[in-house]
């Protein structure tokens, strides 16, 4: 009996240590440094993205500065292959899909992704109004994939939420919930998100975003 108890304690401790290692590994993946030549090429390619991915226009896409390279690469590849950007009713995503000829080759996608990661995340104005305390309860089901503080998880292909704009996050949650994103049979991570949001009303989504914004760094 004593031996079983000791083994149980050892197993629990081992599980905690293993989980900690996985968390640290996923949150601290090394960033590849761009060479001076690569940075010039990447910056030139990124300039054309700023028409939408900056604060220059009223009707704009999200600020992407600081997103992990693996995530940026994953999404660009989805647009390039047609997994995203093929639903006209999702107007902003459809516009991105129509611009995929700008990043058609793997080298450009790789450079853009690494360049995006190298940019420091920007602070942004919070515009979504919701109940953070209620949102905290809703976020419990998000912790496994997106982390306690919205830091994301590379191993699970879950992006960080703590650097993204609240209006954009709300917009995407609504689209997942309505089937305008995560609809493609090959979009496995998108389908997981769509399933996770099934049954959540709009106020709950706003409360969820309000809580996520407490993580903003």
N, C-alpha and C. Protein backbone atom coordinates (compact mmCIF):
# COMPACT_ATOMS: atom_id res chain seq x y z
N UNK A 1 0.83 -1.20 0.00
CA UNK A 1 0.00 0.00 0.00
C UNK A 1 0.87 1.26 0.00
N UNK A 2 1.89 1.27 0.86
CA UNK A 2 2.81 2.40 0.96
C UNK A 2 3.57 2.56 -0.34
N UNK A 3 3.96 1.40 -0.91
CA UNK A 3 4.71 1.44 -2.17
C UNK A 3 3.83 2.03 -3.28
N UNK A 4 2.54 1.64 -3.31
CA UNK A 4 1.63 2.16 -4.31
C UNK A 4 1.45 3.68 -4.16
N UNK A 5 1.38 4.13 -2.90
CA UNK A 5 1.23 5.55 -2.63
C UNK A 5 2.43 6.32 -3.11
N UNK A 6 3.63 5.77 -2.86
CA UNK A 6 4.85 6.42 -3.32
C UNK A 6 4.91 6.49 -4.84
N UNK A 7 4.50 5.38 -5.48
CA UNK A 7 4.48 5.37 -6.94
C UNK A 7 3.49 6.38 -7.48
N UNK A 8 2.34 6.50 -6.80
CA UNK A 8 1.33 7.45 -7.22
C UNK A 8 1.86 8.87 -7.12
N UNK A 9 2.55 9.18 -5.99
CA UNK A 9 3.13 10.50 -5.82
C UNK A 9 4.19 10.78 -6.87
N UNK A 10 5.00 9.74 -7.16
CA UNK A 10 6.05 9.90 -8.16
C UNK A 10 5.43 10.17 -9.53
N UNK A 11 4.35 9.42 -9.88
CA UNK A 11 3.71 9.59 -11.17
C UNK A 11 3.11 10.97 -11.31
N UNK A 12 2.48 11.46 -10.22
CA UNK A 12 1.90 12.79 -10.24
C UNK A 12 2.97 13.86 -10.44
N UNK A 13 4.09 13.69 -9.70
CA UNK A 13 5.19 14.65 -9.82
C UNK A 13 5.77 14.61 -11.23
N UNK A 14 5.94 13.39 -11.76
CA UNK A 14 6.50 13.23 -13.10
C UNK A 14 5.59 13.90 -14.13
N UNK A 15 4.26 13.73 -13.96
CA UNK A 15 3.31 14.33 -14.89
C UNK A 15 3.39 15.85 -14.85
N UNK A 16 3.52 16.41 -13.63
CA UNK A 16 3.62 17.86 -13.49
C UNK A 16 4.88 18.39 -14.16
N UNK A 17 6.00 17.69 -13.96
CA UNK A 17 7.27 18.11 -14.56
C UNK A 17 7.18 18.04 -16.08
N UNK A 18 6.60 16.95 -16.59
CA UNK A 18 6.45 16.78 -18.04
C UNK A 18 5.59 17.88 -18.63
N UNK A 19 4.48 18.19 -17.95
CA UNK A 19 3.59 19.25 -18.42
C UNK A 19 4.29 20.59 -18.45
N UNK A 20 5.10 20.86 -17.41
CA UNK A 20 5.83 22.12 -17.34
C UNK A 20 6.82 22.23 -18.49
N UNK A 21 7.51 21.13 -18.79
CA UNK A 21 8.48 21.13 -19.89
C UNK A 21 7.78 21.42 -21.21
N UNK A 22 6.60 20.80 -21.43
CA UNK A 22 5.85 21.02 -22.66
C UNK A 22 5.41 22.47 -22.79
N UNK A 23 4.95 23.04 -21.68
CA UNK A 23 4.51 24.44 -21.69
C UNK A 23 5.66 25.36 -22.02
N UNK A 24 6.81 25.14 -21.35
CA UNK A 24 7.97 25.98 -21.59
C UNK A 24 8.46 25.84 -23.02
N UNK A 25 8.45 24.60 -23.52
CA UNK A 25 8.91 24.36 -24.88
C UNK A 25 8.01 25.05 -25.89
N UNK A 26 6.68 24.97 -25.68
CA UNK A 26 5.74 25.55 -26.62
C UNK A 26 5.75 27.06 -26.58
N UNK A 27 5.99 27.63 -25.40
CA UNK A 27 5.93 29.09 -25.26
C UNK A 27 7.23 29.77 -25.63
N UNK A 28 8.32 29.00 -25.69
CA UNK A 28 9.63 29.63 -25.86
C UNK A 28 10.37 29.09 -27.08
N UNK A 29 9.65 28.83 -28.17
CA UNK A 29 10.32 28.36 -29.36
C UNK A 29 11.24 29.44 -29.88
N UNK A 30 12.47 29.07 -30.28
CA UNK A 30 13.44 30.07 -30.68
C UNK A 30 13.03 30.80 -31.95
N UNK A 31 13.33 32.07 -32.01
CA UNK A 31 13.02 32.89 -33.17
C UNK A 31 14.23 32.92 -34.09
N UNK A 32 14.00 32.61 -35.37
CA UNK A 32 15.09 32.65 -36.34
C UNK A 32 15.41 34.11 -36.66
N UNK A 33 16.68 34.44 -36.63
CA UNK A 33 17.10 35.80 -36.93
C UNK A 33 17.24 35.97 -38.44
N UNK A 34 16.66 37.02 -38.95
CA UNK A 34 16.77 37.32 -40.37
C UNK A 34 18.13 37.96 -40.65
N UNK A 35 18.76 37.56 -41.73
CA UNK A 35 19.99 38.22 -42.14
C UNK A 35 19.62 39.59 -42.70
N UNK A 36 20.59 40.52 -42.79
CA UNK A 36 20.30 41.84 -43.35
C UNK A 36 19.65 41.77 -44.73
N UNK A 37 20.14 40.85 -45.57
CA UNK A 37 19.59 40.71 -46.92
C UNK A 37 18.16 40.20 -46.88
N UNK A 38 17.91 39.21 -46.00
CA UNK A 38 16.56 38.66 -45.87
C UNK A 38 15.59 39.71 -45.34
N UNK A 39 16.06 40.52 -44.40
CA UNK A 39 15.19 41.54 -43.81
C UNK A 39 14.76 42.56 -44.87
N UNK A 40 15.69 42.94 -45.75
CA UNK A 40 15.36 43.89 -46.83
C UNK A 40 14.30 43.28 -47.75
N UNK A 41 14.48 42.01 -48.12
CA UNK A 41 13.52 41.33 -48.99
C UNK A 41 12.15 41.21 -48.32
N UNK A 42 12.17 40.81 -47.04
CA UNK A 42 10.93 40.61 -46.30
C UNK A 42 10.19 41.92 -46.10
N UNK A 43 10.94 42.97 -45.80
CA UNK A 43 10.33 44.29 -45.58
C UNK A 43 9.66 44.79 -46.86
N UNK A 44 10.30 44.55 -47.98
CA UNK A 44 9.73 44.96 -49.26
C UNK A 44 8.44 44.20 -49.54
N UNK A 45 8.43 42.92 -49.23
CA UNK A 45 7.22 42.11 -49.44
C UNK A 45 6.11 42.53 -48.49
N UNK A 46 6.49 42.90 -47.27
CA UNK A 46 5.50 43.28 -46.25
C UNK A 46 4.87 44.64 -46.53
N UNK A 47 5.58 45.49 -47.26
CA UNK A 47 5.05 46.82 -47.57
C UNK A 47 3.69 46.75 -48.24
N UNK A 48 3.54 45.79 -49.15
CA UNK A 48 2.26 45.67 -49.87
C UNK A 48 1.15 45.18 -48.95
N UNK A 49 1.51 44.55 -47.83
CA UNK A 49 0.52 44.06 -46.87
C UNK A 49 -0.05 45.18 -46.01
N UNK A 50 0.71 46.28 -45.91
CA UNK A 50 0.33 47.37 -45.02
C UNK A 50 -0.89 48.15 -45.50
N UNK A 51 -1.28 47.94 -46.75
CA UNK A 51 -2.51 48.56 -47.25
C UNK A 51 -3.68 48.14 -46.37
N UNK A 52 -3.65 46.89 -45.92
CA UNK A 52 -4.72 46.36 -45.06
C UNK A 52 -4.27 46.16 -43.61
N UNK A 53 -3.03 45.70 -43.42
CA UNK A 53 -2.58 45.30 -42.09
C UNK A 53 -1.82 46.42 -41.37
N UNK A 54 -2.46 47.58 -41.34
CA UNK A 54 -1.93 48.71 -40.59
C UNK A 54 -3.11 49.56 -40.18
N UNK A 55 -2.85 50.66 -39.52
CA UNK A 55 -3.93 51.55 -39.08
C UNK A 55 -4.17 52.68 -40.08
N UNK A 56 -3.72 52.49 -41.31
CA UNK A 56 -3.81 53.55 -42.31
C UNK A 56 -5.23 53.71 -42.87
N UNK A 57 -5.99 52.61 -42.89
CA UNK A 57 -7.32 52.65 -43.49
C UNK A 57 -8.39 52.33 -42.44
N UNK A 58 -9.60 52.86 -42.65
CA UNK A 58 -10.71 52.57 -41.74
C UNK A 58 -11.15 51.12 -41.88
N UNK A 59 -11.28 50.66 -43.12
CA UNK A 59 -11.66 49.27 -43.36
C UNK A 59 -10.37 48.47 -43.52
N UNK A 60 -9.91 47.93 -42.45
CA UNK A 60 -8.59 47.29 -42.50
C UNK A 60 -8.61 45.90 -41.89
N UNK A 61 -7.51 45.18 -42.14
CA UNK A 61 -7.33 43.88 -41.52
C UNK A 61 -6.63 44.06 -40.18
N UNK A 62 -6.34 42.96 -39.51
CA UNK A 62 -5.71 43.04 -38.19
C UNK A 62 -4.25 43.42 -38.26
N UNK A 63 -3.76 44.02 -37.19
CA UNK A 63 -2.32 44.23 -37.04
C UNK A 63 -1.71 42.86 -36.71
N UNK A 64 -0.72 42.45 -37.50
CA UNK A 64 -0.16 41.11 -37.34
C UNK A 64 1.20 41.12 -36.66
N UNK A 65 1.72 42.31 -36.34
CA UNK A 65 3.06 42.42 -35.75
C UNK A 65 3.20 41.53 -34.51
N UNK A 66 4.27 40.72 -34.51
CA UNK A 66 4.58 39.92 -33.34
C UNK A 66 3.96 38.54 -33.33
N UNK A 67 3.13 38.21 -34.31
CA UNK A 67 2.57 36.86 -34.35
C UNK A 67 3.70 35.86 -34.61
N UNK A 68 3.64 34.68 -33.99
CA UNK A 68 4.71 33.69 -34.19
C UNK A 68 4.85 33.33 -35.67
N UNK A 69 6.07 33.08 -36.09
CA UNK A 69 6.32 32.75 -37.49
C UNK A 69 5.57 31.49 -37.91
N UNK A 70 5.51 30.50 -37.02
CA UNK A 70 4.83 29.25 -37.38
C UNK A 70 3.35 29.49 -37.66
N UNK A 71 2.74 30.41 -36.89
CA UNK A 71 1.31 30.68 -37.07
C UNK A 71 1.07 31.50 -38.34
N UNK A 72 1.87 32.54 -38.54
CA UNK A 72 1.74 33.34 -39.75
C UNK A 72 1.92 32.47 -40.99
N UNK A 73 2.92 31.61 -40.95
CA UNK A 73 3.20 30.70 -42.07
C UNK A 73 2.01 29.76 -42.31
N UNK A 74 1.48 29.22 -41.23
CA UNK A 74 0.36 28.28 -41.32
C UNK A 74 -0.85 28.95 -41.98
N UNK A 75 -1.15 30.21 -41.60
CA UNK A 75 -2.31 30.90 -42.16
C UNK A 75 -2.07 31.32 -43.61
N UNK A 76 -0.86 31.80 -43.91
CA UNK A 76 -0.56 32.17 -45.29
C UNK A 76 -0.67 30.96 -46.22
N UNK A 77 -0.23 29.81 -45.74
CA UNK A 77 -0.33 28.58 -46.54
C UNK A 77 -1.79 28.19 -46.74
N UNK A 78 -2.63 28.44 -45.74
CA UNK A 78 -4.07 28.14 -45.89
C UNK A 78 -4.68 29.02 -46.98
N UNK A 79 -4.33 30.29 -46.99
CA UNK A 79 -4.84 31.19 -48.02
C UNK A 79 -4.30 30.80 -49.39
N UNK A 80 -3.01 30.47 -49.43
CA UNK A 80 -2.37 30.13 -50.70
C UNK A 80 -2.98 28.87 -51.32
N UNK A 81 -3.34 27.91 -50.47
CA UNK A 81 -3.88 26.63 -50.97
C UNK A 81 -5.39 26.67 -51.18
N UNK A 82 -6.06 27.74 -50.71
CA UNK A 82 -7.50 27.83 -50.88
C UNK A 82 -8.30 27.29 -49.71
N UNK A 83 -7.63 26.88 -48.63
CA UNK A 83 -8.33 26.40 -47.45
C UNK A 83 -9.07 27.55 -46.77
N UNK A 84 -8.49 28.74 -46.86
CA UNK A 84 -9.15 29.96 -46.38
C UNK A 84 -9.32 30.93 -47.55
N UNK A 85 -10.27 31.84 -47.42
CA UNK A 85 -10.43 32.90 -48.40
C UNK A 85 -11.33 32.58 -49.57
N UNK A 86 -12.14 31.53 -49.46
CA UNK A 86 -12.97 31.13 -50.59
C UNK A 86 -14.47 31.32 -50.36
N UNK A 87 -14.83 31.99 -49.26
CA UNK A 87 -16.24 32.23 -48.97
C UNK A 87 -16.54 33.73 -49.13
N UNK A 88 -17.26 34.12 -50.18
CA UNK A 88 -17.52 35.55 -50.44
C UNK A 88 -18.20 36.28 -49.28
N UNK A 89 -19.05 35.58 -48.51
CA UNK A 89 -19.74 36.26 -47.41
C UNK A 89 -18.77 36.66 -46.30
N UNK A 90 -17.62 36.00 -46.24
CA UNK A 90 -16.56 36.43 -45.32
C UNK A 90 -15.69 37.39 -46.10
N UNK A 91 -16.14 38.64 -46.18
CA UNK A 91 -15.59 39.60 -47.14
C UNK A 91 -14.10 39.89 -46.93
N UNK A 92 -13.69 40.11 -45.67
CA UNK A 92 -12.28 40.43 -45.42
C UNK A 92 -11.37 39.25 -45.75
N UNK A 93 -11.82 38.05 -45.41
CA UNK A 93 -11.01 36.87 -45.69
C UNK A 93 -10.98 36.60 -47.19
N UNK A 94 -12.09 36.85 -47.86
CA UNK A 94 -12.15 36.66 -49.31
C UNK A 94 -11.20 37.62 -50.02
N UNK A 95 -11.08 38.83 -49.49
CA UNK A 95 -10.15 39.82 -50.04
C UNK A 95 -8.71 39.33 -49.89
N UNK A 96 -8.41 38.76 -48.73
CA UNK A 96 -7.08 38.20 -48.49
C UNK A 96 -6.81 37.04 -49.44
N UNK A 97 -7.81 36.24 -49.68
CA UNK A 97 -7.66 35.12 -50.60
C UNK A 97 -7.38 35.59 -52.02
N UNK A 98 -7.96 36.73 -52.40
CA UNK A 98 -7.74 37.25 -53.75
C UNK A 98 -6.34 37.82 -53.93
N UNK A 99 -5.65 38.07 -52.82
CA UNK A 99 -4.30 38.63 -52.88
C UNK A 99 -3.22 37.56 -52.74
N UNK A 100 -3.61 36.30 -52.82
CA UNK A 100 -2.64 35.24 -52.54
C UNK A 100 -1.53 35.11 -53.58
N UNK A 101 -1.70 35.74 -54.75
CA UNK A 101 -0.64 35.69 -55.74
C UNK A 101 0.61 36.45 -55.30
N UNK A 102 0.46 37.26 -54.22
CA UNK A 102 1.60 38.02 -53.71
C UNK A 102 2.53 37.16 -52.86
N UNK A 103 2.03 36.03 -52.39
CA UNK A 103 2.89 35.16 -51.57
C UNK A 103 2.74 33.70 -52.03
N UNK A 104 2.89 33.53 -53.33
CA UNK A 104 2.64 32.22 -53.91
C UNK A 104 3.77 31.22 -53.67
N UNK A 105 4.99 31.69 -53.51
CA UNK A 105 6.11 30.74 -53.37
C UNK A 105 6.48 30.55 -51.89
N UNK A 106 6.95 29.35 -51.52
CA UNK A 106 7.30 29.03 -50.14
C UNK A 106 8.34 29.96 -49.53
N UNK A 107 9.30 30.43 -50.36
CA UNK A 107 10.35 31.29 -49.83
C UNK A 107 9.77 32.62 -49.34
N UNK A 108 8.85 33.20 -50.11
CA UNK A 108 8.22 34.46 -49.70
C UNK A 108 7.39 34.27 -48.44
N UNK A 109 6.66 33.17 -48.36
CA UNK A 109 5.86 32.87 -47.17
C UNK A 109 6.75 32.74 -45.95
N UNK A 110 7.87 32.06 -46.12
CA UNK A 110 8.80 31.86 -45.01
C UNK A 110 9.40 33.19 -44.54
N UNK A 111 9.82 34.02 -45.49
CA UNK A 111 10.41 35.32 -45.16
C UNK A 111 9.38 36.24 -44.47
N UNK A 112 8.17 36.30 -45.02
CA UNK A 112 7.12 37.13 -44.44
C UNK A 112 6.80 36.70 -43.01
N UNK A 113 6.72 35.40 -42.81
CA UNK A 113 6.38 34.86 -41.50
C UNK A 113 7.43 35.21 -40.46
N UNK A 114 8.68 35.05 -40.83
CA UNK A 114 9.77 35.35 -39.90
C UNK A 114 9.86 36.85 -39.63
N UNK A 115 9.58 37.64 -40.66
CA UNK A 115 9.61 39.10 -40.50
C UNK A 115 8.49 39.55 -39.56
N UNK A 116 7.30 39.01 -39.73
CA UNK A 116 6.16 39.34 -38.87
C UNK A 116 6.50 39.02 -37.41
N UNK A 117 7.12 37.88 -37.18
CA UNK A 117 7.49 37.50 -35.82
C UNK A 117 8.52 38.46 -35.23
N UNK A 118 9.38 39.01 -36.07
CA UNK A 118 10.45 39.90 -35.58
C UNK A 118 9.92 41.28 -35.16
N UNK A 119 8.71 41.62 -35.60
CA UNK A 119 8.15 42.93 -35.28
C UNK A 119 7.59 42.93 -33.85
N UNK A 120 7.86 43.96 -33.07
CA UNK A 120 7.32 44.00 -31.70
C UNK A 120 5.81 44.17 -31.72
N UNK A 121 5.08 43.42 -30.88
CA UNK A 121 3.62 43.58 -30.81
C UNK A 121 3.25 45.01 -30.46
N UNK A 122 2.14 45.48 -31.03
CA UNK A 122 1.68 46.85 -30.79
C UNK A 122 0.54 46.88 -29.78
N UNK A 123 0.55 47.89 -28.94
CA UNK A 123 -0.59 48.11 -28.06
C UNK A 123 -1.75 48.61 -28.91
N UNK A 124 -2.95 48.28 -28.50
CA UNK A 124 -4.10 48.73 -29.27
C UNK A 124 -5.23 49.15 -28.33
N UNK A 125 -6.09 49.98 -28.85
CA UNK A 125 -7.22 50.47 -28.07
C UNK A 125 -8.28 49.38 -27.95
N UNK A 126 -8.79 49.20 -26.75
CA UNK A 126 -9.84 48.20 -26.52
C UNK A 126 -11.19 48.82 -26.87
N UNK A 127 -11.93 48.14 -27.74
CA UNK A 127 -13.21 48.68 -28.17
C UNK A 127 -14.39 47.75 -27.87
N UNK A 128 -14.10 46.51 -27.54
CA UNK A 128 -15.17 45.55 -27.24
C UNK A 128 -15.61 45.71 -25.79
N UNK A 129 -16.90 45.82 -25.57
CA UNK A 129 -17.45 45.96 -24.23
C UNK A 129 -18.07 44.64 -23.79
N UNK A 130 -17.59 44.12 -22.69
CA UNK A 130 -18.12 42.87 -22.16
C UNK A 130 -17.81 42.74 -20.69
N UNK A 131 -18.34 41.71 -20.07
CA UNK A 131 -18.11 41.44 -18.64
C UNK A 131 -16.94 40.49 -18.49
N UNK A 132 -15.81 41.01 -18.05
CA UNK A 132 -14.59 40.21 -17.95
C UNK A 132 -14.73 39.03 -16.98
N UNK A 133 -15.47 39.25 -15.89
CA UNK A 133 -15.65 38.18 -14.90
C UNK A 133 -16.45 37.02 -15.49
N UNK A 134 -17.49 37.33 -16.25
CA UNK A 134 -18.25 36.27 -16.92
C UNK A 134 -17.39 35.61 -17.99
N UNK A 135 -16.60 36.43 -18.66
CA UNK A 135 -15.72 35.91 -19.69
C UNK A 135 -14.66 34.96 -19.14
N UNK A 136 -14.28 35.20 -17.89
CA UNK A 136 -13.29 34.34 -17.23
C UNK A 136 -13.81 32.92 -17.12
N UNK A 137 -15.08 32.78 -16.83
CA UNK A 137 -15.69 31.45 -16.74
C UNK A 137 -15.71 30.78 -18.12
N UNK A 138 -16.05 31.57 -19.15
CA UNK A 138 -16.09 31.02 -20.51
C UNK A 138 -14.70 30.61 -20.99
N UNK A 139 -13.67 31.31 -20.51
CA UNK A 139 -12.30 31.07 -20.98
C UNK A 139 -11.72 29.76 -20.42
N UNK A 140 -12.32 29.22 -19.41
CA UNK A 140 -11.81 27.98 -18.81
C UNK A 140 -11.62 26.89 -19.87
N UNK A 141 -12.56 26.80 -20.80
CA UNK A 141 -12.47 25.77 -21.84
C UNK A 141 -11.42 26.10 -22.90
N UNK A 142 -10.89 27.33 -22.88
CA UNK A 142 -9.88 27.76 -23.86
C UNK A 142 -8.46 27.53 -23.36
N UNK A 143 -8.31 27.34 -22.04
CA UNK A 143 -6.98 27.29 -21.42
C UNK A 143 -6.11 26.18 -21.98
N UNK A 144 -6.70 25.01 -22.21
CA UNK A 144 -5.93 23.86 -22.68
C UNK A 144 -5.14 24.17 -23.95
N UNK A 145 -5.76 24.90 -24.86
CA UNK A 145 -5.10 25.21 -26.13
C UNK A 145 -4.38 26.56 -26.12
N UNK A 146 -5.01 27.57 -25.56
CA UNK A 146 -4.47 28.93 -25.67
C UNK A 146 -3.71 29.42 -24.44
N UNK A 147 -3.62 28.60 -23.39
CA UNK A 147 -2.82 28.96 -22.23
C UNK A 147 -3.57 29.79 -21.20
N UNK A 148 -3.06 29.76 -19.99
CA UNK A 148 -3.69 30.46 -18.87
C UNK A 148 -3.79 31.95 -19.12
N UNK A 149 -2.78 32.52 -19.77
CA UNK A 149 -2.74 33.96 -20.02
C UNK A 149 -2.78 34.31 -21.51
N UNK A 150 -3.38 33.41 -22.28
CA UNK A 150 -3.52 33.67 -23.71
C UNK A 150 -2.22 33.65 -24.48
N UNK A 151 -1.21 32.93 -23.94
CA UNK A 151 0.11 32.92 -24.57
C UNK A 151 0.21 31.99 -25.77
N UNK A 152 -0.78 31.12 -25.97
CA UNK A 152 -0.77 30.21 -27.10
C UNK A 152 0.05 28.96 -26.83
N UNK A 153 0.00 28.02 -27.78
CA UNK A 153 0.71 26.76 -27.63
C UNK A 153 1.14 26.26 -29.01
N UNK A 154 2.43 26.27 -29.24
CA UNK A 154 2.97 25.87 -30.54
C UNK A 154 2.63 24.42 -30.87
N UNK A 155 2.76 23.54 -29.89
CA UNK A 155 2.54 22.12 -30.12
C UNK A 155 1.11 21.83 -30.57
N UNK A 156 0.16 22.61 -30.05
CA UNK A 156 -1.24 22.41 -30.40
C UNK A 156 -1.69 23.33 -31.54
N UNK A 157 -0.75 24.09 -32.10
CA UNK A 157 -1.02 25.04 -33.18
C UNK A 157 -2.09 26.07 -32.76
N UNK A 158 -1.98 26.51 -31.52
CA UNK A 158 -2.91 27.51 -30.99
C UNK A 158 -2.18 28.83 -30.86
N UNK A 159 -2.63 29.87 -31.54
CA UNK A 159 -1.91 31.15 -31.54
C UNK A 159 -2.06 31.90 -30.22
N UNK A 160 -1.14 32.81 -29.93
CA UNK A 160 -1.31 33.68 -28.75
C UNK A 160 -2.47 34.63 -28.98
N UNK A 161 -3.23 34.88 -27.93
CA UNK A 161 -4.36 35.81 -28.00
C UNK A 161 -4.03 37.14 -27.35
N UNK A 162 -2.94 37.16 -26.59
CA UNK A 162 -2.63 38.33 -25.77
C UNK A 162 -1.97 39.48 -26.53
N UNK A 163 -1.80 39.32 -27.85
CA UNK A 163 -1.22 40.41 -28.64
C UNK A 163 -2.15 40.83 -29.78
N UNK A 164 -3.33 40.22 -29.85
CA UNK A 164 -4.24 40.50 -30.96
C UNK A 164 -5.33 41.49 -30.57
N UNK A 165 -5.79 42.24 -31.54
CA UNK A 165 -6.79 43.27 -31.30
C UNK A 165 -8.14 42.66 -30.94
N UNK A 166 -8.83 43.29 -29.99
CA UNK A 166 -10.07 42.71 -29.51
C UNK A 166 -11.17 42.68 -30.57
N UNK A 167 -11.26 43.73 -31.40
CA UNK A 167 -12.30 43.74 -32.44
C UNK A 167 -12.10 42.61 -33.42
N UNK A 168 -10.81 42.31 -33.72
CA UNK A 168 -10.51 41.25 -34.67
C UNK A 168 -10.82 39.88 -34.06
N UNK A 169 -10.45 39.69 -32.81
CA UNK A 169 -10.74 38.42 -32.14
C UNK A 169 -12.24 38.16 -32.11
N UNK A 170 -13.02 39.18 -31.76
CA UNK A 170 -14.47 39.03 -31.73
C UNK A 170 -15.01 38.71 -33.12
N UNK A 171 -14.50 39.40 -34.12
CA UNK A 171 -14.93 39.17 -35.50
C UNK A 171 -14.67 37.72 -35.92
N UNK A 172 -13.51 37.20 -35.55
CA UNK A 172 -13.16 35.83 -35.92
C UNK A 172 -13.99 34.80 -35.15
N UNK A 173 -14.24 35.04 -33.87
CA UNK A 173 -15.08 34.13 -33.10
C UNK A 173 -16.48 34.06 -33.70
N UNK A 174 -17.00 35.20 -34.09
CA UNK A 174 -18.32 35.23 -34.72
C UNK A 174 -18.32 34.43 -36.03
N UNK A 175 -17.25 34.56 -36.79
CA UNK A 175 -17.17 33.85 -38.07
C UNK A 175 -17.03 32.34 -37.86
N UNK A 176 -16.25 31.94 -36.87
CA UNK A 176 -16.17 30.52 -36.54
C UNK A 176 -17.54 29.99 -36.15
N UNK A 177 -18.24 30.76 -35.32
CA UNK A 177 -19.55 30.34 -34.82
C UNK A 177 -20.59 30.23 -35.93
N UNK A 178 -20.44 31.07 -36.98
CA UNK A 178 -21.42 31.11 -38.06
C UNK A 178 -21.03 30.24 -39.25
N UNK A 179 -19.84 29.62 -39.19
CA UNK A 179 -19.41 28.77 -40.29
C UNK A 179 -18.72 29.49 -41.42
N UNK A 180 -18.39 30.76 -41.23
CA UNK A 180 -17.67 31.52 -42.26
C UNK A 180 -16.17 31.30 -42.17
N UNK A 181 -15.72 30.64 -41.13
CA UNK A 181 -14.32 30.24 -40.98
C UNK A 181 -14.29 28.88 -40.32
N UNK A 182 -13.34 28.04 -40.72
CA UNK A 182 -13.27 26.68 -40.21
C UNK A 182 -14.24 25.76 -40.93
N UNK A 183 -14.59 26.12 -42.16
CA UNK A 183 -15.57 25.37 -42.96
C UNK A 183 -14.93 24.30 -43.84
N UNK A 184 -13.65 24.50 -44.17
CA UNK A 184 -12.99 23.60 -45.12
C UNK A 184 -12.64 22.28 -44.46
N UNK A 185 -12.80 21.18 -45.19
CA UNK A 185 -12.55 19.85 -44.63
C UNK A 185 -11.09 19.62 -44.25
N UNK A 186 -10.17 20.41 -44.86
CA UNK A 186 -8.74 20.28 -44.54
C UNK A 186 -8.28 21.28 -43.49
N UNK A 187 -9.19 22.12 -43.02
CA UNK A 187 -8.83 23.10 -41.99
C UNK A 187 -9.11 22.51 -40.61
N UNK A 188 -8.22 21.63 -40.17
CA UNK A 188 -8.46 20.89 -38.93
C UNK A 188 -8.51 21.79 -37.70
N UNK A 189 -7.57 22.72 -37.60
CA UNK A 189 -7.57 23.62 -36.44
C UNK A 189 -8.77 24.55 -36.48
N UNK A 190 -9.15 24.98 -37.68
CA UNK A 190 -10.33 25.82 -37.83
C UNK A 190 -11.60 25.09 -37.43
N UNK A 191 -11.70 23.83 -37.78
CA UNK A 191 -12.86 23.02 -37.42
C UNK A 191 -12.95 22.84 -35.91
N UNK A 192 -11.80 22.69 -35.26
CA UNK A 192 -11.78 22.57 -33.80
C UNK A 192 -12.34 23.83 -33.15
N UNK A 193 -11.93 25.00 -33.68
CA UNK A 193 -12.43 26.25 -33.14
C UNK A 193 -13.93 26.39 -33.37
N UNK A 194 -14.38 26.04 -34.55
CA UNK A 194 -15.80 26.15 -34.87
C UNK A 194 -16.63 25.27 -33.93
N UNK A 195 -16.13 24.08 -33.66
CA UNK A 195 -16.84 23.16 -32.76
C UNK A 195 -16.85 23.69 -31.32
N UNK A 196 -15.73 24.30 -30.91
CA UNK A 196 -15.62 24.82 -29.55
C UNK A 196 -16.57 25.98 -29.30
N UNK A 197 -16.91 26.72 -30.35
CA UNK A 197 -17.77 27.90 -30.21
C UNK A 197 -19.24 27.60 -30.44
N UNK A 198 -19.53 26.39 -30.78
CA UNK A 198 -20.91 26.00 -31.06
C UNK A 198 -21.80 26.26 -29.85
N UNK A 199 -22.87 27.02 -30.05
CA UNK A 199 -23.82 27.26 -28.97
C UNK A 199 -23.56 28.50 -28.13
N UNK A 200 -22.46 29.19 -28.37
CA UNK A 200 -22.16 30.41 -27.59
C UNK A 200 -22.84 31.62 -28.23
N UNK A 201 -23.57 32.39 -27.42
CA UNK A 201 -24.24 33.57 -27.97
C UNK A 201 -23.27 34.74 -28.06
N UNK A 202 -23.72 35.82 -28.71
CA UNK A 202 -22.84 36.94 -29.00
C UNK A 202 -22.35 37.64 -27.74
N UNK A 203 -23.21 37.74 -26.72
CA UNK A 203 -22.80 38.41 -25.49
C UNK A 203 -21.71 37.61 -24.78
N UNK A 204 -21.83 36.29 -24.82
CA UNK A 204 -20.79 35.44 -24.22
C UNK A 204 -19.46 35.64 -24.94
N UNK A 205 -19.52 35.79 -26.26
CA UNK A 205 -18.29 36.03 -27.03
C UNK A 205 -17.66 37.37 -26.63
N UNK A 206 -18.49 38.39 -26.43
CA UNK A 206 -17.98 39.70 -26.00
C UNK A 206 -17.36 39.61 -24.61
N UNK A 207 -18.00 38.87 -23.72
CA UNK A 207 -17.46 38.69 -22.37
C UNK A 207 -16.13 37.96 -22.42
N UNK A 208 -16.06 36.97 -23.29
CA UNK A 208 -14.83 36.20 -23.46
C UNK A 208 -13.69 37.09 -23.94
N UNK A 209 -13.97 37.94 -24.91
CA UNK A 209 -12.95 38.86 -25.44
C UNK A 209 -12.52 39.86 -24.37
N UNK A 210 -13.49 40.33 -23.58
CA UNK A 210 -13.17 41.28 -22.51
C UNK A 210 -12.19 40.66 -21.52
N UNK A 211 -12.34 39.38 -21.25
CA UNK A 211 -11.40 38.71 -20.34
C UNK A 211 -10.05 38.52 -21.00
N UNK A 212 -10.04 38.12 -22.26
CA UNK A 212 -8.79 37.92 -22.99
C UNK A 212 -7.95 39.21 -23.00
N UNK A 213 -8.62 40.35 -23.07
CA UNK A 213 -7.90 41.61 -23.12
C UNK A 213 -7.19 41.95 -21.81
N UNK A 214 -7.53 41.26 -20.74
CA UNK A 214 -6.77 41.46 -19.48
C UNK A 214 -5.39 40.83 -19.58
N UNK A 215 -5.16 40.01 -20.59
CA UNK A 215 -3.85 39.38 -20.80
C UNK A 215 -2.91 40.25 -21.62
N UNK A 216 -3.44 41.30 -22.23
CA UNK A 216 -2.67 42.09 -23.19
C UNK A 216 -1.34 42.52 -22.63
N UNK A 217 -0.29 42.28 -23.41
CA UNK A 217 1.06 42.66 -22.98
C UNK A 217 1.60 43.81 -23.77
